[in-house]
Amino acid sequence: MRSVKAFQIKICGITRAQEALWAASAGADAVGLNFYSRSPRYIWPEDARQLIGLLPPEVVKVGVFVNTEPGEICQLFDQLGLDWIQLHGDEPPMLLEQLGARPVIRAFRLGPDGLGPVLDYLERCRYLGRMPDWILLDGYRPGEYGGTGVVANWEVCQQYAAMAGMPPAVLSGGLTPANVGEAIRTVRPMAVDTASGVELSPGRKDPSLVAEFIRAAREAFREIRQKAE
C-alpha cells in the first residue's frame, strides 16, 4: 500500500486563498482544488500554486480532475506539490496505473444502479493490479460531475463502508452543517467532503458555514471514536 496523507474533513472547490485560510483556521485537514475548466469552482494552476504556498504544510491538498489526460494530471500533481489526485469523471481503471505511485481517490456518483458500478470498477482495478487508495461516494445528477448539492444515498454508502477489504470511503454529496453529523454517524466513512454545502454561491465559500460544518463533523467523528474505545 502506498503511503498516503489521511484526512477526515475536506472543503472542496476552494477558489481563493482567503477561503483556504478560513478552512485551515477552522480545522479542516484537507482542501480540494478543482482543475476541471467547466466547473464554476475551477482554479487556474498558477492561482493554485500561490494558494498552496500560503497553507500550513499539514493541510492536505487534493487536486480534482475530470477526464484529464494522465500526463497532465501527473505534471500538475508534481509541480504544485499536491498530496492526492481525485478522479471525478469517467476515468477507466487502466488509467490508475498511468498515475504511478501518486495517491488516488476515485469518485463515484451513486445512481440508480447503486453500488453495482462501483464494485465492478474495483474488481477490474484488482484484476489490473492497481486499486484506488480511497474512493469517494457522491450524489448523482445526470450529466454532471459533482458539486450539485444532491445528497448521496446514505443507506447504500453504509453498505459499502461495512464491506471488508475495500478502499476507505470519503462521503460527499449534499453535505451541510445541518446534516453532516447525522451522515457521519450513519455511514461511518473515513472522511467527509463538501463544496456547495458551505457556499454563498458556486465557488464562493461562507466562512461561518465552513466553521459550522467542520465543528459538526469533528464532533461526530469524536463520538464514533469514543464509542469504539
Protein backbone atom coordinates (compact mmCIF):
# COMPACT_ATOMS: atom_id res chain seq x y z
CA MET A 1 0.00 0.00 0.00
CA ARG A 2 1.26 3.47 -0.91
CA SER A 3 1.89 5.97 1.85
CA VAL A 4 -0.99 8.44 1.95
CA LYS A 5 -1.77 11.54 4.00
CA ALA A 6 -5.02 10.75 5.76
CA PHE A 7 -7.68 13.36 6.46
CA GLN A 8 -11.21 13.49 7.86
CA ILE A 9 -12.72 16.81 6.78
CA LYS A 10 -12.22 18.21 3.28
CA ILE A 11 -13.53 21.54 1.99
CA CYS A 12 -13.62 21.23 -1.78
CA GLY A 13 -13.85 23.71 -4.61
CA ILE A 14 -11.61 26.32 -2.98
CA THR A 15 -11.01 29.18 -5.42
CA ARG A 16 -9.41 31.90 -3.31
CA ALA A 17 -6.53 31.97 -0.87
CA GLN A 18 -8.72 33.60 1.79
CA GLU A 19 -11.16 30.68 1.60
CA ALA A 20 -8.34 28.19 2.05
CA LEU A 21 -7.10 30.07 5.11
CA TRP A 22 -10.64 30.15 6.55
CA ALA A 23 -10.88 26.39 6.14
CA ALA A 24 -7.46 25.75 7.66
CA SER A 25 -8.00 28.04 10.64
CA ALA A 26 -11.41 26.45 11.32
CA GLY A 27 -9.83 23.00 11.48
CA ALA A 28 -10.24 21.46 8.04
CA ASP A 29 -7.46 18.98 7.40
CA ALA A 30 -7.87 18.94 3.60
CA VAL A 31 -8.80 21.31 0.80
CA GLY A 32 -9.86 20.41 -2.72
CA LEU A 33 -8.66 22.35 -5.76
CA ASN A 34 -10.78 21.83 -8.87
CA PHE A 35 -8.91 21.68 -12.17
CA TYR A 36 -12.00 20.95 -14.30
CA SER A 37 -12.29 24.00 -16.54
CA ARG A 38 -16.08 23.71 -16.95
CA SER A 39 -16.69 23.90 -13.23
CA PRO A 40 -17.68 27.18 -11.53
CA ARG A 41 -15.10 26.17 -8.91
CA TYR A 42 -12.24 25.91 -11.40
CA ILE A 43 -8.92 27.31 -10.22
CA TRP A 44 -6.04 28.22 -12.53
CA PRO A 45 -2.87 26.25 -11.75
CA GLU A 46 -0.88 29.40 -11.04
CA ASP A 47 -3.51 30.59 -8.57
CA ALA A 48 -3.47 27.15 -7.00
CA ARG A 49 0.30 27.33 -6.62
CA GLN A 50 0.06 30.63 -4.74
CA LEU A 51 -2.78 29.34 -2.56
CA ILE A 52 -0.87 26.18 -1.65
CA GLY A 53 2.12 28.27 -0.66
CA LEU A 54 0.04 30.04 1.99
CA LEU A 55 -1.37 26.89 3.61
CA PRO A 56 0.17 25.14 6.59
CA PRO A 57 2.07 22.02 5.45
CA GLU A 58 -0.17 19.73 7.50
CA VAL A 59 -3.27 20.68 5.46
CA VAL A 60 -3.77 18.02 2.78
CA LYS A 61 -4.02 19.33 -0.79
CA VAL A 62 -6.27 17.38 -3.17
CA GLY A 63 -6.36 18.05 -6.90
CA VAL A 64 -9.73 17.28 -8.51
CA PHE A 65 -9.65 16.20 -12.15
CA VAL A 66 -12.38 15.26 -14.64
CA ASN A 67 -11.39 13.23 -17.71
CA THR A 68 -7.93 14.81 -17.83
CA GLU A 69 -5.02 13.20 -19.65
CA PRO A 70 -2.83 11.26 -17.17
CA GLY A 71 0.31 13.13 -18.22
CA GLU A 72 -1.29 16.47 -17.37
CA ILE A 73 -2.53 15.11 -14.04
CA CYS A 74 0.93 13.90 -13.09
CA GLN A 75 2.54 17.16 -14.15
CA LEU A 76 0.20 19.29 -12.05
CA PHE A 77 0.48 16.92 -9.08
CA ASP A 78 4.27 17.14 -9.12
CA GLN A 79 4.64 20.84 -9.90
CA LEU A 80 2.08 22.01 -7.33
CA GLY A 81 3.11 19.59 -4.59
CA LEU A 82 -0.34 18.01 -4.25
CA ASP A 83 -0.96 15.17 -1.80
CA TRP A 84 -3.85 13.42 -3.58
CA ILE A 85 -5.33 13.03 -7.05
CA GLN A 86 -9.14 12.88 -7.09
CA LEU A 87 -10.61 11.44 -10.28
CA HIS A 88 -14.18 12.69 -10.62
CA GLY A 89 -15.07 11.85 -14.21
CA ASP A 90 -15.35 8.73 -16.37
CA GLU A 91 -11.73 7.62 -15.99
CA PRO A 92 -11.25 3.89 -16.76
CA PRO A 93 -9.50 1.55 -14.32
CA MET A 94 -6.40 1.29 -16.51
CA LEU A 95 -5.70 5.00 -16.10
CA LEU A 96 -4.75 4.48 -12.45
CA GLU A 97 -1.58 2.62 -13.39
CA GLN A 98 -0.50 5.61 -15.50
CA LEU A 99 -0.51 7.78 -12.37
CA GLY A 100 2.30 5.78 -10.82
CA ALA A 101 2.58 5.77 -7.04
CA ARG A 102 0.63 9.02 -6.62
CA PRO A 103 -2.25 8.53 -4.16
CA VAL A 104 -5.66 8.39 -5.86
CA ILE A 105 -9.21 8.96 -4.67
CA ARG A 106 -11.70 7.64 -7.24
CA ALA A 107 -15.09 9.35 -7.05
CA PHE A 108 -18.35 7.58 -7.87
CA ARG A 109 -21.75 9.18 -8.36
CA LEU A 110 -24.27 6.77 -6.90
CA GLY A 111 -27.04 6.48 -9.47
CA PRO A 112 -29.96 4.10 -9.96
CA ASP A 113 -27.65 1.06 -10.08
CA GLY A 114 -26.34 1.70 -6.58
CA LEU A 115 -23.07 0.01 -5.72
CA GLY A 116 -23.01 -2.18 -8.83
CA PRO A 117 -20.82 0.09 -10.97
CA VAL A 118 -18.55 0.81 -8.00
CA LEU A 119 -17.91 -2.84 -7.25
CA ASP A 120 -17.45 -3.67 -10.93
CA TYR A 121 -14.88 -0.89 -11.27
CA LEU A 122 -12.96 -2.00 -8.19
CA GLU A 123 -12.97 -5.61 -9.34
CA ARG A 124 -11.45 -4.51 -12.64
CA CYS A 125 -8.84 -2.48 -10.74
CA ARG A 126 -8.00 -5.50 -8.62
CA TYR A 127 -7.54 -7.59 -11.77
CA LEU A 128 -5.22 -4.93 -13.24
CA GLY A 129 -3.22 -4.74 -10.03
CA ARG A 130 -3.82 -1.06 -9.22
CA MET A 131 -6.59 -0.14 -6.79
CA PRO A 132 -7.54 3.43 -5.86
CA ASP A 133 -6.24 4.21 -2.39
CA TRP A 134 -9.60 5.66 -1.30
CA ILE A 135 -12.93 6.14 -3.01
CA LEU A 136 -15.45 8.97 -2.75
CA LEU A 137 -19.21 8.36 -2.79
CA ASP A 138 -21.17 11.28 -4.21
CA GLY A 139 -24.74 12.19 -5.09
CA TYR A 140 -25.98 11.71 -8.64
CA ARG A 141 -27.42 14.12 -11.17
CA PRO A 142 -27.39 13.04 -14.84
CA GLY A 143 -24.79 14.83 -16.94
CA GLU A 144 -22.97 16.48 -14.03
CA TYR A 145 -19.69 15.54 -12.34
CA GLY A 146 -20.28 16.66 -8.76
CA GLY A 147 -20.79 19.76 -6.68
CA THR A 148 -24.53 19.52 -7.32
CA GLY A 149 -25.77 19.51 -3.73
CA VAL A 150 -27.60 16.23 -4.32
CA VAL A 151 -27.45 14.04 -1.21
CA ALA A 152 -25.92 10.61 -1.73
CA ASN A 153 -27.90 7.54 -0.69
CA TRP A 154 -26.60 7.04 2.84
CA GLU A 155 -28.00 3.52 3.11
CA VAL A 156 -26.03 2.44 0.05
CA CYS A 157 -22.93 4.25 1.35
CA GLN A 158 -23.31 2.49 4.69
CA GLN A 159 -23.39 -0.87 2.91
CA TYR A 160 -20.09 -0.06 1.22
CA ALA A 161 -18.45 1.22 4.41
CA ALA A 162 -19.31 -2.06 6.14
CA MET A 163 -17.62 -4.20 3.45
CA ALA A 164 -14.29 -5.76 4.36
CA GLY A 165 -11.23 -5.40 2.18
CA MET A 166 -12.38 -2.33 0.27
CA PRO A 167 -10.64 1.04 -0.10
CA PRO A 168 -11.73 3.50 2.61
CA ALA A 169 -14.64 5.76 1.67
CA VAL A 170 -14.98 9.53 1.67
CA LEU A 171 -18.64 10.58 1.94
CA SER A 172 -19.75 13.50 -0.20
CA GLY A 173 -22.95 14.69 -1.83
CA GLY A 174 -25.16 17.40 -0.37
CA LEU A 175 -23.42 17.57 2.99
CA THR A 176 -24.12 20.71 5.04
CA PRO A 177 -23.54 21.85 8.61
CA ALA A 178 -27.08 20.64 9.39
CA ASN A 179 -26.71 17.06 8.16
CA VAL A 180 -23.01 16.16 8.26
CA GLY A 181 -23.13 14.87 11.84
CA GLU A 182 -26.01 12.52 11.08
CA ALA A 183 -24.28 11.42 7.88
CA ILE A 184 -21.09 10.50 9.73
CA ARG A 185 -22.96 8.61 12.47
CA THR A 186 -24.98 6.72 9.86
CA VAL A 187 -22.35 5.84 7.26
CA ARG A 188 -19.15 5.77 9.36
CA PRO A 189 -16.93 6.99 6.50
CA MET A 190 -13.19 7.57 6.64
CA ALA A 191 -13.77 11.24 5.78
CA VAL A 192 -16.35 13.75 4.58
CA ASP A 193 -16.22 16.26 1.74
CA THR A 194 -18.33 19.32 0.96
CA ALA A 195 -18.34 22.09 -1.64
CA SER A 196 -21.82 23.53 -2.26
CA GLY A 197 -22.90 22.88 1.33
CA VAL A 198 -20.74 25.72 2.66
CA GLU A 199 -21.18 28.25 -0.15
CA LEU A 200 -22.93 31.55 -0.70
CA SER A 201 -22.79 30.84 -4.44
CA PRO A 202 -20.84 28.34 -6.58
CA GLY A 203 -17.16 28.89 -5.90
CA ARG A 204 -17.67 31.36 -3.04
CA LYS A 205 -17.38 29.89 0.45
CA ASP A 206 -19.10 31.30 3.55
CA PRO A 207 -16.67 31.36 6.50
CA SER A 208 -19.40 30.81 9.08
CA LEU A 209 -20.79 27.80 7.20
CA VAL A 210 -17.29 26.39 6.79
CA ALA A 211 -16.67 26.68 10.54
CA GLU A 212 -20.07 25.19 11.42
CA PHE A 213 -19.53 22.26 9.06
CA ILE A 214 -16.09 21.47 10.48
CA ARG A 215 -17.33 21.75 14.05
CA ALA A 216 -20.29 19.40 13.45
CA ALA A 217 -18.16 16.88 11.58
CA ARG A 218 -15.39 16.90 14.17
CA GLU A 219 -17.90 16.27 16.98
CA ALA A 220 -19.47 13.33 15.14
CA PHE A 221 -16.10 11.74 14.43
CA ARG A 222 -15.16 12.24 18.08
CA GLU A 223 -18.35 10.47 19.25
CA ILE A 224 -17.69 7.50 17.00
CA ARG A 225 -14.10 7.22 18.22
CA GLN A 226 -15.16 7.35 21.87
CA LYS A 227 -17.75 4.63 21.36
CA ALA A 228 -15.13 2.42 19.74
CA GLU A 229 -12.70 2.78 22.66
